[in-house]
mmCIF file of all heavy atoms, coordinates in Angstrom:
data_MODEL
# 
_entry.id   MODEL 
# 
loop_
_atom_site.group_PDB 
_atom_site.id 
_atom_site.type_symbol 
_atom_site.label_atom_id 
_atom_site.label_alt_id 
_atom_site.label_comp_id 
_atom_site.label_asym_id 
_atom_site.label_entity_id 
_atom_site.label_seq_id 
_atom_site.pdbx_PDB_ins_code 
_atom_site.Cartn_x 
_atom_site.Cartn_y 
_atom_site.Cartn_z 
_atom_site.occupancy 
_atom_site.B_iso_or_equiv 
_atom_site.pdbx_formal_charge 
_atom_site.auth_seq_id 
_atom_site.auth_comp_id 
_atom_site.auth_asym_id 
_atom_site.auth_atom_id 
_atom_site.pdbx_PDB_model_num 
ATOM 1   N N   . ALA A 1 1  ? 138.664 151.932 46.394 1.00 0.00 ? 1  ALA A N   1 
ATOM 2   C CA  . ALA A 1 1  ? 138.333 152.668 47.618 1.00 0.00 ? 1  ALA A CA  1 
ATOM 3   C C   . ALA A 1 1  ? 139.209 152.207 48.784 1.00 0.00 ? 1  ALA A C   1 
ATOM 4   O O   . ALA A 1 1  ? 139.719 153.027 49.559 1.00 0.00 ? 1  ALA A O   1 
ATOM 5   C CB  . ALA A 1 1  ? 136.857 152.478 47.949 1.00 0.00 ? 1  ALA A CB  1 
ATOM 6   N N   . ILE A 1 2  ? 139.383 150.893 48.907 1.00 0.00 ? 2  ILE A N   1 
ATOM 7   C CA  . ILE A 1 2  ? 140.193 150.347 50.000 1.00 0.00 ? 2  ILE A CA  1 
ATOM 8   C C   . ILE A 1 2  ? 141.652 150.790 49.866 1.00 0.00 ? 2  ILE A C   1 
ATOM 9   O O   . ILE A 1 2  ? 142.274 151.248 50.832 1.00 0.00 ? 2  ILE A O   1 
ATOM 10  C CB  . ILE A 1 2  ? 140.106 148.808 50.031 1.00 0.00 ? 2  ILE A CB  1 
ATOM 11  C CG1 . ILE A 1 2  ? 138.687 148.376 50.424 1.00 0.00 ? 2  ILE A CG1 1 
ATOM 12  C CG2 . ILE A 1 2  ? 141.123 148.222 51.014 1.00 0.00 ? 2  ILE A CG2 1 
ATOM 13  C CD1 . ILE A 1 2  ? 138.409 146.903 50.192 1.00 0.00 ? 2  ILE A CD1 1 
ATOM 14  N N   . LEU A 1 3  ? 142.201 150.666 48.664 1.00 0.00 ? 3  LEU A N   1 
ATOM 15  C CA  . LEU A 1 3  ? 143.594 151.062 48.434 1.00 0.00 ? 3  LEU A CA  1 
ATOM 16  C C   . LEU A 1 3  ? 143.797 152.539 48.736 1.00 0.00 ? 3  LEU A C   1 
ATOM 17  O O   . LEU A 1 3  ? 144.807 152.927 49.335 1.00 0.00 ? 3  LEU A O   1 
ATOM 18  C CB  . LEU A 1 3  ? 143.996 150.762 46.984 1.00 0.00 ? 3  LEU A CB  1 
ATOM 19  C CG  . LEU A 1 3  ? 144.290 149.301 46.647 1.00 0.00 ? 3  LEU A CG  1 
ATOM 20  C CD1 . LEU A 1 3  ? 144.406 149.117 45.136 1.00 0.00 ? 3  LEU A CD1 1 
ATOM 21  C CD2 . LEU A 1 3  ? 145.572 148.832 47.336 1.00 0.00 ? 3  LEU A CD2 1 
ATOM 22  N N   . ALA A 1 4  ? 142.841 153.358 48.326 1.00 0.00 ? 4  ALA A N   1 
ATOM 23  C CA  . ALA A 1 4  ? 142.961 154.795 48.559 1.00 0.00 ? 4  ALA A CA  1 
ATOM 24  C C   . ALA A 1 4  ? 142.954 155.108 50.047 1.00 0.00 ? 4  ALA A C   1 
ATOM 25  O O   . ALA A 1 4  ? 143.822 155.839 50.551 1.00 0.00 ? 4  ALA A O   1 
ATOM 26  C CB  . ALA A 1 4  ? 141.821 155.526 47.857 1.00 0.00 ? 4  ALA A CB  1 
ATOM 27  N N   . ALA A 1 5  ? 141.967 154.567 50.762 1.00 0.00 ? 5  ALA A N   1 
ATOM 28  C CA  . ALA A 1 5  ? 141.872 154.834 52.201 1.00 0.00 ? 5  ALA A CA  1 
ATOM 29  C C   . ALA A 1 5  ? 143.089 154.306 52.947 1.00 0.00 ? 5  ALA A C   1 
ATOM 30  O O   . ALA A 1 5  ? 143.589 154.947 53.882 1.00 0.00 ? 5  ALA A O   1 
ATOM 31  C CB  . ALA A 1 5  ? 140.593 154.216 52.757 1.00 0.00 ? 5  ALA A CB  1 
ATOM 32  N N   . ALA A 1 6  ? 143.570 153.141 52.543 1.00 0.00 ? 6  ALA A N   1 
ATOM 33  C CA  . ALA A 1 6  ? 144.749 152.549 53.185 1.00 0.00 ? 6  ALA A CA  1 
ATOM 34  C C   . ALA A 1 6  ? 145.991 153.410 52.988 1.00 0.00 ? 6  ALA A C   1 
ATOM 35  O O   . ALA A 1 6  ? 146.918 153.374 53.801 1.00 0.00 ? 6  ALA A O   1 
ATOM 36  C CB  . ALA A 1 6  ? 144.995 151.146 52.641 1.00 0.00 ? 6  ALA A CB  1 
ATOM 37  N N   . ASN A 1 7  ? 145.991 154.200 51.915 1.00 0.00 ? 7  ASN A N   1 
ATOM 38  C CA  . ASN A 1 7  ? 147.138 155.056 51.616 1.00 0.00 ? 7  ASN A CA  1 
ATOM 39  C C   . ASN A 1 7  ? 146.888 156.514 51.997 1.00 0.00 ? 7  ASN A C   1 
ATOM 40  O O   . ASN A 1 7  ? 147.599 157.414 51.548 1.00 0.00 ? 7  ASN A O   1 
ATOM 41  C CB  . ASN A 1 7  ? 147.495 154.952 50.132 1.00 0.00 ? 7  ASN A CB  1 
ATOM 42  C CG  . ASN A 1 7  ? 148.212 153.644 49.816 1.00 0.00 ? 7  ASN A CG  1 
ATOM 43  O OD1 . ASN A 1 7  ? 149.354 153.441 50.206 1.00 0.00 ? 7  ASN A OD1 1 
ATOM 44  N ND2 . ASN A 1 7  ? 147.538 152.745 49.121 1.00 0.00 ? 7  ASN A ND2 1 
ATOM 45  N N   . GLY A 1 8  ? 145.881 156.732 52.849 1.00 0.00 ? 8  GLY A N   1 
ATOM 46  C CA  . GLY A 1 8  ? 145.695 158.054 53.425 1.00 0.00 ? 8  GLY A CA  1 
ATOM 47  C C   . GLY A 1 8  ? 144.826 159.023 52.653 1.00 0.00 ? 8  GLY A C   1 
ATOM 48  O O   . GLY A 1 8  ? 144.726 160.191 53.027 1.00 0.00 ? 8  GLY A O   1 
ATOM 49  N N   . VAL A 1 9  ? 144.171 158.568 51.581 1.00 0.00 ? 9  VAL A N   1 
ATOM 50  C CA  . VAL A 1 9  ? 143.278 159.460 50.837 1.00 0.00 ? 9  VAL A CA  1 
ATOM 51  C C   . VAL A 1 9  ? 142.039 159.743 51.692 1.00 0.00 ? 9  VAL A C   1 
ATOM 52  O O   . VAL A 1 9  ? 141.451 158.806 52.256 1.00 0.00 ? 9  VAL A O   1 
ATOM 53  C CB  . VAL A 1 9  ? 142.867 158.832 49.489 1.00 0.00 ? 9  VAL A CB  1 
ATOM 54  C CG1 . VAL A 1 9  ? 141.819 159.691 48.777 1.00 0.00 ? 9  VAL A CG1 1 
ATOM 55  C CG2 . VAL A 1 9  ? 144.089 158.650 48.591 1.00 0.00 ? 9  VAL A CG2 1 
ATOM 56  N N   . PRO A 1 10 ? 141.617 160.995 51.820 1.00 0.00 ? 10 PRO A N   1 
ATOM 57  C CA  . PRO A 1 10 ? 140.449 161.328 52.656 1.00 0.00 ? 10 PRO A CA  1 
ATOM 58  C C   . PRO A 1 10 ? 139.144 160.954 51.961 1.00 0.00 ? 10 PRO A C   1 
ATOM 59  O O   . PRO A 1 10 ? 138.391 161.799 51.482 1.00 0.00 ? 10 PRO A O   1 
ATOM 60  C CB  . PRO A 1 10 ? 140.571 162.842 52.833 1.00 0.00 ? 10 PRO A CB  1 
ATOM 61  C CG  . PRO A 1 10 ? 141.254 163.312 51.578 1.00 0.00 ? 10 PRO A CG  1 
ATOM 62  C CD  . PRO A 1 10 ? 142.229 162.212 51.230 1.00 0.00 ? 10 PRO A CD  1 
ATOM 63  N N   . LEU A 1 11 ? 138.861 159.667 51.927 1.00 0.00 ? 11 LEU A N   1 
ATOM 64  C CA  . LEU A 1 11 ? 137.718 159.133 51.193 1.00 0.00 ? 11 LEU A CA  1 
ATOM 65  C C   . LEU A 1 11 ? 136.762 158.427 52.147 1.00 0.00 ? 11 LEU A C   1 
ATOM 66  O O   . LEU A 1 11 ? 137.191 157.693 53.034 1.00 0.00 ? 11 LEU A O   1 
ATOM 67  C CB  . LEU A 1 11 ? 138.208 158.133 50.139 1.00 0.00 ? 11 LEU A CB  1 
ATOM 68  C CG  . LEU A 1 11 ? 137.153 157.291 49.421 1.00 0.00 ? 11 LEU A CG  1 
ATOM 69  C CD1 . LEU A 1 11 ? 136.362 158.151 48.442 1.00 0.00 ? 11 LEU A CD1 1 
ATOM 70  C CD2 . LEU A 1 11 ? 137.803 156.120 48.698 1.00 0.00 ? 11 LEU A CD2 1 
ATOM 71  N N   . LYS A 1 12 ? 135.476 158.639 51.951 1.00 0.00 ? 12 LYS A N   1 
ATOM 72  C CA  . LYS A 1 12 ? 134.456 157.912 52.691 1.00 0.00 ? 12 LYS A CA  1 
ATOM 73  C C   . LYS A 1 12 ? 133.497 157.251 51.704 1.00 0.00 ? 12 LYS A C   1 
ATOM 74  O O   . LYS A 1 12 ? 133.047 157.889 50.743 1.00 0.00 ? 12 LYS A O   1 
ATOM 75  C CB  . LYS A 1 12 ? 133.662 158.845 53.605 1.00 0.00 ? 12 LYS A CB  1 
ATOM 76  C CG  . LYS A 1 12 ? 134.399 159.278 54.863 1.00 0.00 ? 12 LYS A CG  1 
ATOM 77  C CD  . LYS A 1 12 ? 134.558 158.131 55.854 1.00 0.00 ? 12 LYS A CD  1 
ATOM 78  C CE  . LYS A 1 12 ? 135.202 158.596 57.147 1.00 0.00 ? 12 LYS A CE  1 
ATOM 79  N NZ  . LYS A 1 12 ? 135.376 157.476 58.100 1.00 0.00 ? 12 LYS A NZ  1 
ATOM 80  N N   . VAL A 1 13 ? 133.198 155.989 51.917 1.00 0.00 ? 13 VAL A N   1 
ATOM 81  C CA  . VAL A 1 13 ? 132.172 155.308 51.128 1.00 0.00 ? 13 VAL A CA  1 
ATOM 82  C C   . VAL A 1 13 ? 130.825 155.706 51.703 1.00 0.00 ? 13 VAL A C   1 
ATOM 83  O O   . VAL A 1 13 ? 130.562 155.498 52.889 1.00 0.00 ? 13 VAL A O   1 
ATOM 84  C CB  . VAL A 1 13 ? 132.361 153.780 51.172 1.00 0.00 ? 13 VAL A CB  1 
ATOM 85  C CG1 . VAL A 1 13 ? 131.123 153.066 50.639 1.00 0.00 ? 13 VAL A CG1 1 
ATOM 86  C CG2 . VAL A 1 13 ? 133.591 153.383 50.366 1.00 0.00 ? 13 VAL A CG2 1 
ATOM 87  N N   . VAL A 1 14 ? 129.965 156.285 50.853 1.00 0.00 ? 14 VAL A N   1 
ATOM 88  C CA  . VAL A 1 14 ? 128.669 156.773 51.339 1.00 0.00 ? 14 VAL A CA  1 
ATOM 89  C C   . VAL A 1 14 ? 127.505 155.899 50.865 1.00 0.00 ? 14 VAL A C   1 
ATOM 90  O O   . VAL A 1 14 ? 126.361 156.112 51.287 1.00 0.00 ? 14 VAL A O   1 
ATOM 91  C CB  . VAL A 1 14 ? 128.436 158.236 50.908 1.00 0.00 ? 14 VAL A CB  1 
ATOM 92  C CG1 . VAL A 1 14 ? 129.387 159.157 51.658 1.00 0.00 ? 14 VAL A CG1 1 
ATOM 93  C CG2 . VAL A 1 14 ? 128.611 158.419 49.400 1.00 0.00 ? 14 VAL A CG2 1 
ATOM 94  N N   . ALA A 1 15 ? 127.790 154.914 50.015 1.00 0.00 ? 15 ALA A N   1 
ATOM 95  C CA  . ALA A 1 15 ? 126.742 153.997 49.548 1.00 0.00 ? 15 ALA A CA  1 
ATOM 96  C C   . ALA A 1 15 ? 127.371 152.904 48.705 1.00 0.00 ? 15 ALA A C   1 
ATOM 97  O O   . ALA A 1 15 ? 128.507 153.020 48.248 1.00 0.00 ? 15 ALA A O   1 
ATOM 98  C CB  . ALA A 1 15 ? 125.688 154.728 48.714 1.00 0.00 ? 15 ALA A CB  1 
ATOM 99  N N   . ALA A 1 16 ? 126.601 151.860 48.495 1.00 0.00 ? 16 ALA A N   1 
ATOM 100 C CA  . ALA A 1 16 ? 126.958 150.881 47.470 1.00 0.00 ? 16 ALA A CA  1 
ATOM 101 C C   . ALA A 1 16 ? 126.446 151.424 46.137 1.00 0.00 ? 16 ALA A C   1 
ATOM 102 O O   . ALA A 1 16 ? 125.467 152.179 46.098 1.00 0.00 ? 16 ALA A O   1 
ATOM 103 C CB  . ALA A 1 16 ? 126.298 149.541 47.764 1.00 0.00 ? 16 ALA A CB  1 
ATOM 104 N N   . TYR A 1 17 ? 127.112 151.065 45.051 1.00 0.00 ? 17 TYR A N   1 
ATOM 105 C CA  . TYR A 1 17 ? 126.580 151.430 43.734 1.00 0.00 ? 17 TYR A CA  1 
ATOM 106 C C   . TYR A 1 17 ? 125.974 150.193 43.071 1.00 0.00 ? 17 TYR A C   1 
ATOM 107 O O   . TYR A 1 17 ? 124.824 150.197 42.676 1.00 0.00 ? 17 TYR A O   1 
ATOM 108 C CB  . TYR A 1 17 ? 127.648 152.046 42.834 1.00 0.00 ? 17 TYR A CB  1 
ATOM 109 C CG  . TYR A 1 17 ? 127.042 152.582 41.548 1.00 0.00 ? 17 TYR A CG  1 
ATOM 110 C CD1 . TYR A 1 17 ? 126.559 153.877 41.495 1.00 0.00 ? 17 TYR A CD1 1 
ATOM 111 C CD2 . TYR A 1 17 ? 126.903 151.781 40.422 1.00 0.00 ? 17 TYR A CD2 1 
ATOM 112 C CE1 . TYR A 1 17 ? 125.949 154.372 40.351 1.00 0.00 ? 17 TYR A CE1 1 
ATOM 113 C CE2 . TYR A 1 17 ? 126.289 152.258 39.273 1.00 0.00 ? 17 TYR A CE2 1 
ATOM 114 C CZ  . TYR A 1 17 ? 125.817 153.556 39.235 1.00 0.00 ? 17 TYR A CZ  1 
ATOM 115 O OH  . TYR A 1 17 ? 125.201 154.034 38.101 1.00 0.00 ? 17 TYR A OH  1 
ATOM 116 N N   . ALA A 1 18 ? 126.775 149.135 42.970 1.00 0.00 ? 18 ALA A N   1 
ATOM 117 C CA  . ALA A 1 18 ? 126.251 147.916 42.331 1.00 0.00 ? 18 ALA A CA  1 
ATOM 118 C C   . ALA A 1 18 ? 127.027 146.701 42.797 1.00 0.00 ? 18 ALA A C   1 
ATOM 119 O O   . ALA A 1 18 ? 128.162 146.797 43.264 1.00 0.00 ? 18 ALA A O   1 
ATOM 120 C CB  . ALA A 1 18 ? 126.324 148.037 40.812 1.00 0.00 ? 18 ALA A CB  1 
ATOM 121 N N   . ARG A 1 19 ? 126.382 145.553 42.657 1.00 0.00 ? 19 ARG A N   1 
ATOM 122 C CA  . ARG A 1 19 ? 127.015 144.253 42.906 1.00 0.00 ? 19 ARG A CA  1 
ATOM 123 C C   . ARG A 1 19 ? 126.807 143.439 41.633 1.00 0.00 ? 19 ARG A C   1 
ATOM 124 O O   . ARG A 1 19 ? 125.668 143.254 41.210 1.00 0.00 ? 19 ARG A O   1 
ATOM 125 C CB  . ARG A 1 19 ? 126.365 143.566 44.107 1.00 0.00 ? 19 ARG A CB  1 
ATOM 126 C CG  . ARG A 1 19 ? 126.351 144.451 45.356 1.00 0.00 ? 19 ARG A CG  1 
ATOM 127 C CD  . ARG A 1 19 ? 125.207 144.114 46.269 1.00 0.00 ? 19 ARG A CD  1 
ATOM 128 N NE  . ARG A 1 19 ? 125.046 145.088 47.346 1.00 0.00 ? 19 ARG A NE  1 
ATOM 129 C CZ  . ARG A 1 19 ? 124.348 146.216 47.234 1.00 0.00 ? 19 ARG A CZ  1 
ATOM 130 N NH1 . ARG A 1 19 ? 123.729 146.512 46.084 1.00 0.00 ? 19 ARG A NH1 1 
ATOM 131 N NH2 . ARG A 1 19 ? 124.240 147.049 48.250 1.00 0.00 ? 19 ARG A NH2 1 
ATOM 132 N N   . SER A 1 20 ? 127.913 142.946 41.046 1.00 0.00 ? 20 SER A N   1 
ATOM 133 C CA  . SER A 1 20 ? 127.760 142.348 39.709 1.00 0.00 ? 20 SER A CA  1 
ATOM 134 C C   . SER A 1 20 ? 128.907 141.406 39.316 1.00 0.00 ? 20 SER A C   1 
ATOM 135 O O   . SER A 1 20 ? 129.613 141.671 38.344 1.00 0.00 ? 20 SER A O   1 
ATOM 136 C CB  . SER A 1 20 ? 127.661 143.459 38.662 1.00 0.00 ? 20 SER A CB  1 
ATOM 137 O OG  . SER A 1 20 ? 128.705 144.417 38.856 1.00 0.00 ? 20 SER A OG  1 
ATOM 138 N N   . PRO A 1 21 ? 129.107 140.307 40.023 1.00 0.00 ? 21 PRO A N   1 
ATOM 139 C CA  . PRO A 1 21 ? 130.209 139.399 39.675 1.00 0.00 ? 21 PRO A CA  1 
ATOM 140 C C   . PRO A 1 21 ? 130.100 138.811 38.280 1.00 0.00 ? 21 PRO A C   1 
ATOM 141 O O   . PRO A 1 21 ? 131.114 138.502 37.645 1.00 0.00 ? 21 PRO A O   1 
ATOM 142 C CB  . PRO A 1 21 ? 130.132 138.306 40.745 1.00 0.00 ? 21 PRO A CB  1 
ATOM 143 C CG  . PRO A 1 21 ? 128.736 138.379 41.268 1.00 0.00 ? 21 PRO A CG  1 
ATOM 144 C CD  . PRO A 1 21 ? 128.354 139.826 41.191 1.00 0.00 ? 21 PRO A CD  1 
ATOM 145 N N   . LYS A 1 22 ? 128.864 138.667 37.770 1.00 0.00 ? 22 LYS A N   1 
ATOM 146 C CA  . LYS A 1 22 ? 128.686 138.057 36.450 1.00 0.00 ? 22 LYS A CA  1 
ATOM 147 C C   . LYS A 1 22 ? 128.910 139.040 35.305 1.00 0.00 ? 22 LYS A C   1 
ATOM 148 O O   . LYS A 1 22 ? 128.811 138.669 34.141 1.00 0.00 ? 22 LYS A O   1 
ATOM 149 C CB  . LYS A 1 22 ? 127.276 137.470 36.339 1.00 0.00 ? 22 LYS A CB  1 
ATOM 150 C CG  . LYS A 1 22 ? 126.996 136.331 37.299 1.00 0.00 ? 22 LYS A CG  1 
ATOM 151 C CD  . LYS A 1 22 ? 125.574 135.814 37.126 1.00 0.00 ? 22 LYS A CD  1 
ATOM 152 C CE  . LYS A 1 22 ? 125.254 134.700 38.108 1.00 0.00 ? 22 LYS A CE  1 
ATOM 153 N NZ  . LYS A 1 22 ? 123.847 134.218 37.954 1.00 0.00 ? 22 LYS A NZ  1 
ATOM 154 N N   . ALA A 1 23 ? 129.213 140.292 35.636 1.00 0.00 ? 23 ALA A N   1 
ATOM 155 C CA  . ALA A 1 23 ? 129.340 141.322 34.601 1.00 0.00 ? 23 ALA A CA  1 
ATOM 156 C C   . ALA A 1 23 ? 130.779 141.598 34.194 1.00 0.00 ? 23 ALA A C   1 
ATOM 157 O O   . ALA A 1 23 ? 131.024 142.389 33.296 1.00 0.00 ? 23 ALA A O   1 
ATOM 158 C CB  . ALA A 1 23 ? 128.688 142.616 35.077 1.00 0.00 ? 23 ALA A CB  1 
ATOM 159 N N   . TYR A 1 24 ? 131.749 140.943 34.850 1.00 0.00 ? 24 TYR A N   1 
ATOM 160 C CA  . TYR A 1 24 ? 133.166 141.189 34.583 1.00 0.00 ? 24 TYR A CA  1 
ATOM 161 C C   . TYR A 1 24 ? 133.785 139.955 33.936 1.00 0.00 ? 24 TYR A C   1 
ATOM 162 O O   . TYR A 1 24 ? 133.553 138.830 34.392 1.00 0.00 ? 24 TYR A O   1 
ATOM 163 C CB  . TYR A 1 24 ? 133.892 141.535 35.883 1.00 0.00 ? 24 TYR A CB  1 
ATOM 164 C CG  . TYR A 1 24 ? 133.378 142.807 36.525 1.00 0.00 ? 24 TYR A CG  1 
ATOM 165 C CD1 . TYR A 1 24 ? 132.343 142.768 37.457 1.00 0.00 ? 24 TYR A CD1 1 
ATOM 166 C CD2 . TYR A 1 24 ? 133.909 144.048 36.188 1.00 0.00 ? 24 TYR A CD2 1 
ATOM 167 C CE1 . TYR A 1 24 ? 131.853 143.930 38.035 1.00 0.00 ? 24 TYR A CE1 1 
ATOM 168 C CE2 . TYR A 1 24 ? 133.432 145.212 36.758 1.00 0.00 ? 24 TYR A CE2 1 
ATOM 169 C CZ  . TYR A 1 24 ? 132.405 145.156 37.682 1.00 0.00 ? 24 TYR A CZ  1 
ATOM 170 O OH  . TYR A 1 24 ? 131.915 146.303 38.244 1.00 0.00 ? 24 TYR A OH  1 
# 
């Protein structure tokens, strides 16, 4: 999401989906 917005993609974050550091 950050990379896309930084490169001009018309993207808005409308919510969190998940937080999961132990899952990767």
